[in-house]
């Protein structure tokens, strides 16, 4: 099967490389992310580092584009969680903000799920931002976390 690479697949290329990750949370240690492409179709990111409690953690994120759905799709898993986050999203009109919708555990009500929005914002070729929001019962969105990515020099 021969899959045509679209502009949306090409958009994922800018995520490739090695990144230093800082979190907005006070006293959170630095992390590192390595991102590669799988045949130009899928971005595979491995993010790892120490948690505030000193334990190490790893997260894997996949992102691709489904031309039949006209949507970005993907997933995230992590060693500090037992659920699979499944993404569905799209780019804004500027082409710099990818908003990914998903569902996961409600952080305010155990045993329930909530809607989340993870947002990747491209600042420039070497800088991006990741933020996550959870939907409240009234439909408003509450910030959960944010992190900043700075491209590291190739070694």
N, C-alpha and C. Protein backbone atom coordinates (compact mmCIF):
# COMPACT_ATOMS: atom_id res chain seq x y z
N UNK A 1 0.85 -1.18 0.00
CA UNK A 1 0.00 0.00 0.00
C UNK A 1 0.89 1.24 0.00
N UNK A 2 0.63 2.14 -0.91
CA UNK A 2 1.41 3.36 -1.03
C UNK A 2 0.60 4.53 -0.48
N UNK A 3 1.05 5.10 0.63
CA UNK A 3 0.34 6.19 1.30
C UNK A 3 0.94 7.52 0.83
N UNK A 4 0.11 8.42 0.38
CA UNK A 4 0.57 9.74 -0.05
C UNK A 4 0.84 10.61 1.18
N UNK A 5 2.00 11.24 1.19
CA UNK A 5 2.36 12.17 2.27
C UNK A 5 1.65 13.50 2.00
N UNK A 6 0.90 13.98 2.98
CA UNK A 6 0.16 15.24 2.84
C UNK A 6 0.91 16.37 3.54
N UNK A 7 0.41 17.59 3.36
CA UNK A 7 0.99 18.74 4.07
C UNK A 7 0.87 18.58 5.58
N UNK A 8 -0.18 17.92 6.03
CA UNK A 8 -0.36 17.69 7.46
C UNK A 8 0.71 16.72 7.98
N UNK A 9 1.05 15.71 7.19
CA UNK A 9 2.15 14.82 7.57
C UNK A 9 3.46 15.62 7.63
N UNK A 10 3.65 16.49 6.66
CA UNK A 10 4.87 17.32 6.64
C UNK A 10 4.92 18.24 7.86
N UNK A 11 3.76 18.68 8.35
CA UNK A 11 3.70 19.53 9.54
C UNK A 11 4.36 18.83 10.72
N UNK A 12 4.18 17.52 10.82
CA UNK A 12 4.74 16.75 11.93
C UNK A 12 6.27 16.75 11.93
N UNK A 13 6.89 16.97 10.76
CA UNK A 13 8.36 16.95 10.66
C UNK A 13 9.02 17.96 11.59
N UNK A 14 8.36 19.08 11.82
CA UNK A 14 8.96 20.11 12.67
C UNK A 14 9.07 19.68 14.14
N UNK A 15 8.40 18.59 14.50
CA UNK A 15 8.49 18.09 15.87
C UNK A 15 9.70 17.19 16.08
N UNK A 16 10.34 16.76 15.00
CA UNK A 16 11.45 15.82 15.13
C UNK A 16 12.67 16.45 15.79
N UNK A 17 13.48 15.61 16.41
CA UNK A 17 14.71 16.07 17.02
C UNK A 17 14.73 15.79 18.52
N UNK A 18 15.72 16.36 19.17
CA UNK A 18 15.88 16.23 20.63
C UNK A 18 15.53 17.56 21.27
N UNK A 19 14.71 17.49 22.32
CA UNK A 19 14.18 18.69 22.96
C UNK A 19 14.43 18.66 24.47
N UNK A 20 14.76 19.82 25.02
CA UNK A 20 14.81 19.99 26.47
C UNK A 20 13.46 20.54 26.90
N UNK A 21 12.88 19.93 27.93
CA UNK A 21 11.52 20.27 28.32
C UNK A 21 11.51 20.83 29.74
N UNK A 22 10.93 22.00 29.89
CA UNK A 22 10.73 22.61 31.20
C UNK A 22 9.23 22.72 31.45
N UNK A 23 8.85 22.54 32.70
CA UNK A 23 7.44 22.58 33.08
C UNK A 23 7.13 23.85 33.84
N UNK A 24 5.90 24.31 33.74
CA UNK A 24 5.47 25.50 34.47
C UNK A 24 5.35 25.24 35.96
N UNK A 25 5.24 23.97 36.35
CA UNK A 25 5.13 23.63 37.77
C UNK A 25 6.43 23.98 38.49
N UNK A 26 6.31 24.62 39.62
CA UNK A 26 7.48 25.03 40.39
C UNK A 26 8.28 23.81 40.85
N UNK A 27 9.59 23.90 40.77
CA UNK A 27 10.52 22.86 41.22
C UNK A 27 10.41 21.55 40.45
N UNK A 28 9.85 21.58 39.24
CA UNK A 28 9.78 20.36 38.44
C UNK A 28 11.09 20.24 37.66
N UNK A 29 11.76 19.08 37.74
CA UNK A 29 13.03 18.89 37.05
C UNK A 29 12.89 18.94 35.51
N UNK A 30 14.00 19.17 34.84
CA UNK A 30 14.03 19.16 33.38
C UNK A 30 13.81 17.75 32.85
N UNK A 31 13.15 17.66 31.71
CA UNK A 31 12.97 16.40 31.00
C UNK A 31 13.59 16.52 29.62
N UNK A 32 13.62 15.41 28.91
CA UNK A 32 14.13 15.40 27.55
C UNK A 32 13.17 14.60 26.67
N UNK A 33 12.99 15.07 25.44
CA UNK A 33 12.13 14.37 24.49
C UNK A 33 12.89 14.12 23.20
N UNK A 34 12.77 12.91 22.68
CA UNK A 34 13.33 12.53 21.38
C UNK A 34 12.17 12.18 20.47
N UNK A 35 12.13 12.82 19.30
CA UNK A 35 11.03 12.62 18.35
C UNK A 35 11.60 12.21 17.00
N UNK A 36 10.99 11.17 16.43
CA UNK A 36 11.38 10.71 15.10
C UNK A 36 10.11 10.48 14.28
N UNK A 37 10.28 10.38 12.96
CA UNK A 37 9.16 10.08 12.08
C UNK A 37 9.24 8.64 11.61
N UNK A 38 8.10 8.03 11.48
CA UNK A 38 7.99 6.68 10.95
C UNK A 38 7.50 6.82 9.51
N UNK A 39 8.41 6.64 8.55
CA UNK A 39 8.11 6.74 7.12
C UNK A 39 7.37 8.02 6.74
N UNK A 40 7.62 9.11 7.44
CA UNK A 40 7.01 10.39 7.12
C UNK A 40 5.54 10.49 7.47
N UNK A 41 4.97 9.43 8.05
CA UNK A 41 3.54 9.40 8.35
C UNK A 41 3.22 9.61 9.82
N UNK A 42 4.08 9.11 10.69
CA UNK A 42 3.80 9.14 12.13
C UNK A 42 4.96 9.78 12.88
N UNK A 43 4.62 10.65 13.79
CA UNK A 43 5.59 11.21 14.73
C UNK A 43 5.55 10.33 15.97
N UNK A 44 6.74 9.89 16.42
CA UNK A 44 6.84 9.09 17.64
C UNK A 44 7.76 9.83 18.60
N UNK A 45 7.19 10.25 19.72
CA UNK A 45 7.93 11.03 20.70
C UNK A 45 8.08 10.24 21.99
N UNK A 46 9.31 10.22 22.52
CA UNK A 46 9.56 9.61 23.82
C UNK A 46 10.07 10.69 24.75
N UNK A 47 9.28 10.97 25.77
CA UNK A 47 9.56 12.01 26.75
C UNK A 47 9.90 11.34 28.07
N UNK A 48 11.03 11.72 28.67
CA UNK A 48 11.40 11.07 29.93
C UNK A 48 12.12 12.05 30.85
N UNK A 49 12.02 11.72 32.14
CA UNK A 49 12.68 12.54 33.14
C UNK A 49 12.21 12.19 34.53
N UNK A 50 12.76 12.88 35.52
CA UNK A 50 12.38 12.61 36.91
C UNK A 50 11.08 13.32 37.28
N UNK A 51 10.29 12.64 38.07
CA UNK A 51 9.06 13.23 38.62
C UNK A 51 9.45 14.05 39.86
N UNK A 52 8.59 14.93 40.31
CA UNK A 52 8.91 15.72 41.51
C UNK A 52 9.25 14.86 42.73
N UNK A 53 8.70 13.62 42.80
CA UNK A 53 8.99 12.74 43.94
C UNK A 53 10.31 11.98 43.78
N UNK A 54 11.03 12.21 42.67
CA UNK A 54 12.31 11.56 42.45
C UNK A 54 12.26 10.33 41.58
N UNK A 55 11.08 9.72 41.40
CA UNK A 55 10.94 8.57 40.50
C UNK A 55 11.06 9.02 39.05
N UNK A 56 11.53 8.14 38.19
CA UNK A 56 11.63 8.49 36.77
C UNK A 56 10.34 8.08 36.06
N UNK A 57 10.06 8.75 34.95
CA UNK A 57 8.85 8.48 34.19
C UNK A 57 9.16 8.61 32.70
N UNK A 58 8.38 7.92 31.91
CA UNK A 58 8.49 7.97 30.45
C UNK A 58 7.10 8.05 29.86
N UNK A 59 6.97 8.86 28.83
CA UNK A 59 5.73 8.97 28.08
C UNK A 59 6.04 8.76 26.61
N UNK A 60 5.13 8.10 25.90
CA UNK A 60 5.25 7.90 24.45
C UNK A 60 4.01 8.52 23.81
N UNK A 61 4.25 9.42 22.83
CA UNK A 61 3.15 10.03 22.09
C UNK A 61 3.32 9.70 20.61
N UNK A 62 2.24 9.27 19.99
CA UNK A 62 2.22 9.09 18.54
C UNK A 62 1.27 10.13 17.96
N UNK A 63 1.64 10.69 16.82
CA UNK A 63 0.76 11.61 16.10
C UNK A 63 0.87 11.31 14.62
N UNK A 64 -0.26 11.32 13.97
CA UNK A 64 -0.31 11.14 12.52
C UNK A 64 -1.47 11.94 11.98
N UNK A 65 -1.69 11.78 10.68
CA UNK A 65 -2.82 12.45 10.05
C UNK A 65 -3.58 11.44 9.23
N UNK A 66 -4.90 11.41 9.43
CA UNK A 66 -5.76 10.49 8.69
C UNK A 66 -6.48 11.28 7.60
N UNK A 67 -6.03 11.14 6.34
CA UNK A 67 -6.65 11.91 5.25
C UNK A 67 -8.13 11.58 5.05
N UNK A 68 -8.56 10.36 5.36
CA UNK A 68 -9.97 10.00 5.21
C UNK A 68 -10.85 10.78 6.19
N UNK A 69 -10.32 11.03 7.39
CA UNK A 69 -11.06 11.78 8.41
C UNK A 69 -10.79 13.27 8.36
N UNK A 70 -9.71 13.66 7.65
CA UNK A 70 -9.25 15.05 7.64
C UNK A 70 -8.94 15.51 9.07
N UNK A 71 -8.33 14.62 9.85
CA UNK A 71 -8.04 14.90 11.25
C UNK A 71 -6.69 14.34 11.64
N UNK A 72 -6.03 15.00 12.59
CA UNK A 72 -4.84 14.44 13.22
C UNK A 72 -5.32 13.40 14.23
N UNK A 73 -4.60 12.31 14.33
CA UNK A 73 -4.94 11.24 15.26
C UNK A 73 -3.68 10.82 16.00
N UNK A 74 -3.84 10.19 17.15
CA UNK A 74 -2.67 9.74 17.89
C UNK A 74 -3.03 9.20 19.24
N UNK A 75 -1.98 9.02 20.06
CA UNK A 75 -2.17 8.46 21.39
C UNK A 75 -1.01 8.86 22.29
N UNK A 76 -1.25 8.74 23.58
CA UNK A 76 -0.21 8.93 24.58
C UNK A 76 -0.37 7.87 25.66
N UNK A 77 0.77 7.33 26.10
CA UNK A 77 0.82 6.44 27.26
C UNK A 77 1.96 6.92 28.14
N UNK A 78 1.91 6.55 29.41
CA UNK A 78 2.97 6.94 30.31
C UNK A 78 3.12 5.98 31.46
N UNK A 79 4.33 5.92 32.01
CA UNK A 79 4.59 5.00 33.11
C UNK A 79 3.94 5.44 34.41
N UNK A 80 3.42 6.66 34.46
CA UNK A 80 2.79 7.16 35.67
C UNK A 80 1.26 7.10 35.59
N UNK A 81 0.76 6.39 34.57
CA UNK A 81 -0.69 6.29 34.39
C UNK A 81 -1.03 4.94 33.77
N UNK A 82 -2.27 4.51 33.94
CA UNK A 82 -2.67 3.21 33.40
C UNK A 82 -3.64 3.34 32.23
N UNK A 83 -3.98 4.55 31.83
CA UNK A 83 -4.94 4.71 30.74
C UNK A 83 -4.23 5.12 29.44
N UNK A 84 -4.89 4.81 28.34
CA UNK A 84 -4.45 5.20 27.00
C UNK A 84 -5.22 6.45 26.61
N UNK A 85 -4.48 7.50 26.26
CA UNK A 85 -5.11 8.74 25.79
C UNK A 85 -5.16 8.64 24.26
N UNK A 86 -6.36 8.77 23.69
CA UNK A 86 -6.54 8.68 22.24
C UNK A 86 -6.91 10.06 21.71
N UNK A 87 -6.11 10.54 20.76
CA UNK A 87 -6.26 11.90 20.26
C UNK A 87 -7.04 11.98 18.95
N UNK A 88 -7.75 13.10 18.81
CA UNK A 88 -8.40 13.49 17.57
C UNK A 88 -8.32 15.01 17.53
N UNK A 89 -7.75 15.58 16.46
CA UNK A 89 -7.61 17.02 16.47
C UNK A 89 -7.34 17.64 15.13
N UNK A 90 -7.12 18.95 15.18
CA UNK A 90 -6.88 19.71 13.97
C UNK A 90 -6.03 20.94 14.21
N UNK A 91 -5.52 21.48 13.10
CA UNK A 91 -4.72 22.70 13.12
C UNK A 91 -5.61 23.93 13.06
N UNK A 92 -5.16 25.01 13.67
CA UNK A 92 -5.87 26.27 13.53
C UNK A 92 -5.55 26.88 12.17
N UNK A 93 -6.18 28.00 11.87
CA UNK A 93 -6.00 28.63 10.55
C UNK A 93 -4.58 29.15 10.31
N UNK A 94 -3.80 29.39 11.38
CA UNK A 94 -2.42 29.87 11.21
C UNK A 94 -1.45 28.73 10.93
N UNK A 95 -1.87 27.50 11.22
CA UNK A 95 -0.99 26.35 11.04
C UNK A 95 0.06 26.21 12.11
N UNK A 96 -0.09 26.94 13.23
CA UNK A 96 0.90 26.88 14.31
C UNK A 96 0.37 26.23 15.57
N UNK A 97 -0.93 25.99 15.65
CA UNK A 97 -1.53 25.42 16.86
C UNK A 97 -2.30 24.16 16.49
N UNK A 98 -1.86 23.04 17.08
CA UNK A 98 -2.55 21.76 16.91
C UNK A 98 -3.30 21.47 18.20
N UNK A 99 -4.62 21.39 18.12
CA UNK A 99 -5.46 21.10 19.28
C UNK A 99 -5.92 19.65 19.18
N UNK A 100 -5.62 18.89 20.23
CA UNK A 100 -5.94 17.46 20.28
C UNK A 100 -6.94 17.20 21.39
N UNK A 101 -8.10 16.68 21.02
CA UNK A 101 -9.12 16.33 22.00
C UNK A 101 -8.96 14.88 22.41
N UNK A 102 -9.24 14.61 23.68
CA UNK A 102 -9.16 13.24 24.20
C UNK A 102 -10.01 13.14 25.46
N UNK A 103 -10.12 11.92 25.97
CA UNK A 103 -10.87 11.67 27.19
C UNK A 103 -9.97 10.90 28.15
N UNK A 104 -10.07 11.22 29.43
CA UNK A 104 -9.25 10.54 30.43
C UNK A 104 -9.87 10.66 31.80
N UNK A 105 -9.16 10.17 32.80
CA UNK A 105 -9.69 10.20 34.18
C UNK A 105 -9.94 11.63 34.64
N UNK A 106 -11.07 11.82 35.29
CA UNK A 106 -11.41 13.13 35.85
C UNK A 106 -10.57 13.33 37.11
N UNK A 107 -9.74 14.36 37.11
CA UNK A 107 -8.84 14.62 38.24
C UNK A 107 -9.57 15.13 39.47
N UNK A 108 -10.84 15.51 39.31
CA UNK A 108 -11.60 16.04 40.44
C UNK A 108 -12.66 15.09 40.96
N UNK A 109 -12.91 13.99 40.22
CA UNK A 109 -13.97 13.06 40.62
C UNK A 109 -13.54 11.63 40.23
N UNK A 110 -12.93 10.92 41.16
CA UNK A 110 -12.43 9.57 40.89
C UNK A 110 -13.54 8.68 40.34
N UNK A 111 -13.19 7.85 39.39
CA UNK A 111 -14.15 6.92 38.81
C UNK A 111 -14.90 7.49 37.62
N UNK A 112 -14.74 8.77 37.36
CA UNK A 112 -15.40 9.41 36.21
C UNK A 112 -14.35 9.78 35.17
N UNK A 113 -14.81 10.07 33.98
CA UNK A 113 -13.91 10.56 32.94
C UNK A 113 -14.25 12.01 32.62
N UNK A 114 -13.31 12.67 31.98
CA UNK A 114 -13.49 14.06 31.58
C UNK A 114 -12.90 14.26 30.20
N UNK A 115 -13.33 15.31 29.55
CA UNK A 115 -12.75 15.69 28.26
C UNK A 115 -11.52 16.55 28.52
N UNK A 116 -10.49 16.32 27.70
CA UNK A 116 -9.25 17.09 27.79
C UNK A 116 -8.93 17.67 26.43
N UNK A 117 -8.14 18.72 26.45
CA UNK A 117 -7.61 19.33 25.25
C UNK A 117 -6.13 19.54 25.44
N UNK A 118 -5.32 18.85 24.64
CA UNK A 118 -3.87 19.04 24.65
C UNK A 118 -3.53 19.89 23.43
N UNK A 119 -2.73 20.92 23.65
CA UNK A 119 -2.47 21.91 22.61
C UNK A 119 -0.96 22.04 22.40
N UNK A 120 -0.53 21.82 21.15
CA UNK A 120 0.86 22.02 20.76
C UNK A 120 0.92 23.32 19.97
N UNK A 121 1.71 24.26 20.46
CA UNK A 121 1.87 25.55 19.80
C UNK A 121 3.31 25.69 19.32
N UNK A 122 3.47 25.90 18.02
CA UNK A 122 4.80 26.12 17.45
C UNK A 122 5.12 27.60 17.60
N UNK A 123 6.19 27.90 18.33
CA UNK A 123 6.62 29.28 18.53
C UNK A 123 7.57 29.69 17.39
N UNK A 124 8.58 28.86 17.16
CA UNK A 124 9.50 29.03 16.04
C UNK A 124 10.14 27.66 15.77
N UNK A 125 11.10 27.59 14.87
CA UNK A 125 11.68 26.31 14.47
C UNK A 125 12.30 25.54 15.63
N UNK A 126 12.70 26.23 16.69
CA UNK A 126 13.38 25.59 17.80
C UNK A 126 12.65 25.69 19.13
N UNK A 127 11.41 26.17 19.11
CA UNK A 127 10.67 26.39 20.35
C UNK A 127 9.19 26.03 20.14
N UNK A 128 8.66 25.28 21.08
CA UNK A 128 7.23 24.99 21.06
C UNK A 128 6.72 24.88 22.49
N UNK A 129 5.41 24.89 22.61
CA UNK A 129 4.75 24.84 23.92
C UNK A 129 3.70 23.74 23.88
N UNK A 130 3.54 23.05 24.98
CA UNK A 130 2.49 22.03 25.14
C UNK A 130 1.67 22.42 26.36
N UNK A 131 0.37 22.44 26.21
CA UNK A 131 -0.48 22.73 27.36
C UNK A 131 -1.66 21.77 27.34
N UNK A 132 -2.22 21.55 28.51
CA UNK A 132 -3.35 20.63 28.66
C UNK A 132 -4.43 21.31 29.48
N UNK A 133 -5.68 21.10 29.07
CA UNK A 133 -6.83 21.65 29.77
C UNK A 133 -7.85 20.54 29.99
N UNK A 134 -8.60 20.65 31.07
CA UNK A 134 -9.68 19.72 31.37
C UNK A 134 -11.00 20.49 31.36
N UNK A 135 -12.03 19.88 30.77
CA UNK A 135 -13.34 20.54 30.72
C UNK A 135 -14.05 20.39 32.06
N UNK A 136 -14.55 21.50 32.56
CA UNK A 136 -15.33 21.52 33.79
C UNK A 136 -16.79 21.15 33.48
N UNK A 137 -17.55 20.84 34.51
CA UNK A 137 -18.96 20.47 34.35
C UNK A 137 -19.77 21.56 33.65
N UNK A 138 -19.37 22.83 33.82
CA UNK A 138 -20.11 23.93 33.20
C UNK A 138 -19.68 24.21 31.76
N UNK A 139 -18.73 23.39 31.24
CA UNK A 139 -18.27 23.57 29.86
C UNK A 139 -17.05 24.46 29.72
N UNK A 140 -16.62 25.10 30.79
CA UNK A 140 -15.40 25.91 30.75
C UNK A 140 -14.18 24.98 30.82
N UNK A 141 -13.02 25.52 30.50
CA UNK A 141 -11.79 24.72 30.47
C UNK A 141 -10.83 25.20 31.55
N UNK A 142 -10.31 24.24 32.32
CA UNK A 142 -9.38 24.53 33.41
C UNK A 142 -7.97 24.08 33.02
N UNK A 143 -6.97 24.97 33.07
CA UNK A 143 -5.60 24.55 32.76
C UNK A 143 -5.13 23.45 33.71
N UNK A 144 -4.47 22.44 33.17
CA UNK A 144 -3.95 21.32 33.97
C UNK A 144 -2.44 21.44 34.11
N UNK A 145 -1.75 21.66 32.99
CA UNK A 145 -0.30 21.78 33.00
C UNK A 145 0.16 22.43 31.70
N UNK A 146 1.42 22.88 31.73
CA UNK A 146 2.05 23.43 30.52
C UNK A 146 3.54 23.14 30.59
N UNK A 147 4.12 22.97 29.42
CA UNK A 147 5.56 22.75 29.33
C UNK A 147 6.11 23.46 28.09
N UNK A 148 7.39 23.76 28.14
CA UNK A 148 8.07 24.49 27.06
C UNK A 148 9.19 23.60 26.52
N UNK A 149 9.30 23.55 25.21
CA UNK A 149 10.26 22.71 24.52
C UNK A 149 11.26 23.59 23.77
N UNK A 150 12.54 23.32 24.01
CA UNK A 150 13.62 24.02 23.32
C UNK A 150 14.48 22.97 22.62
N UNK A 151 14.66 23.14 21.30
CA UNK A 151 15.45 22.19 20.54
C UNK A 151 16.89 22.16 21.04
N UNK A 152 17.42 20.96 21.23
CA UNK A 152 18.80 20.81 21.66
C UNK A 152 19.68 20.64 20.42
N UNK A 153 20.91 21.08 20.51
CA UNK A 153 21.85 20.94 19.39
C UNK A 153 22.09 19.47 19.11
N UNK A 154 22.20 19.12 17.85
CA UNK A 154 22.49 17.73 17.47
C UNK A 154 23.88 17.34 17.95
N UNK A 155 24.01 16.11 18.43
CA UNK A 155 25.31 15.65 18.92
C UNK A 155 25.93 14.67 17.98
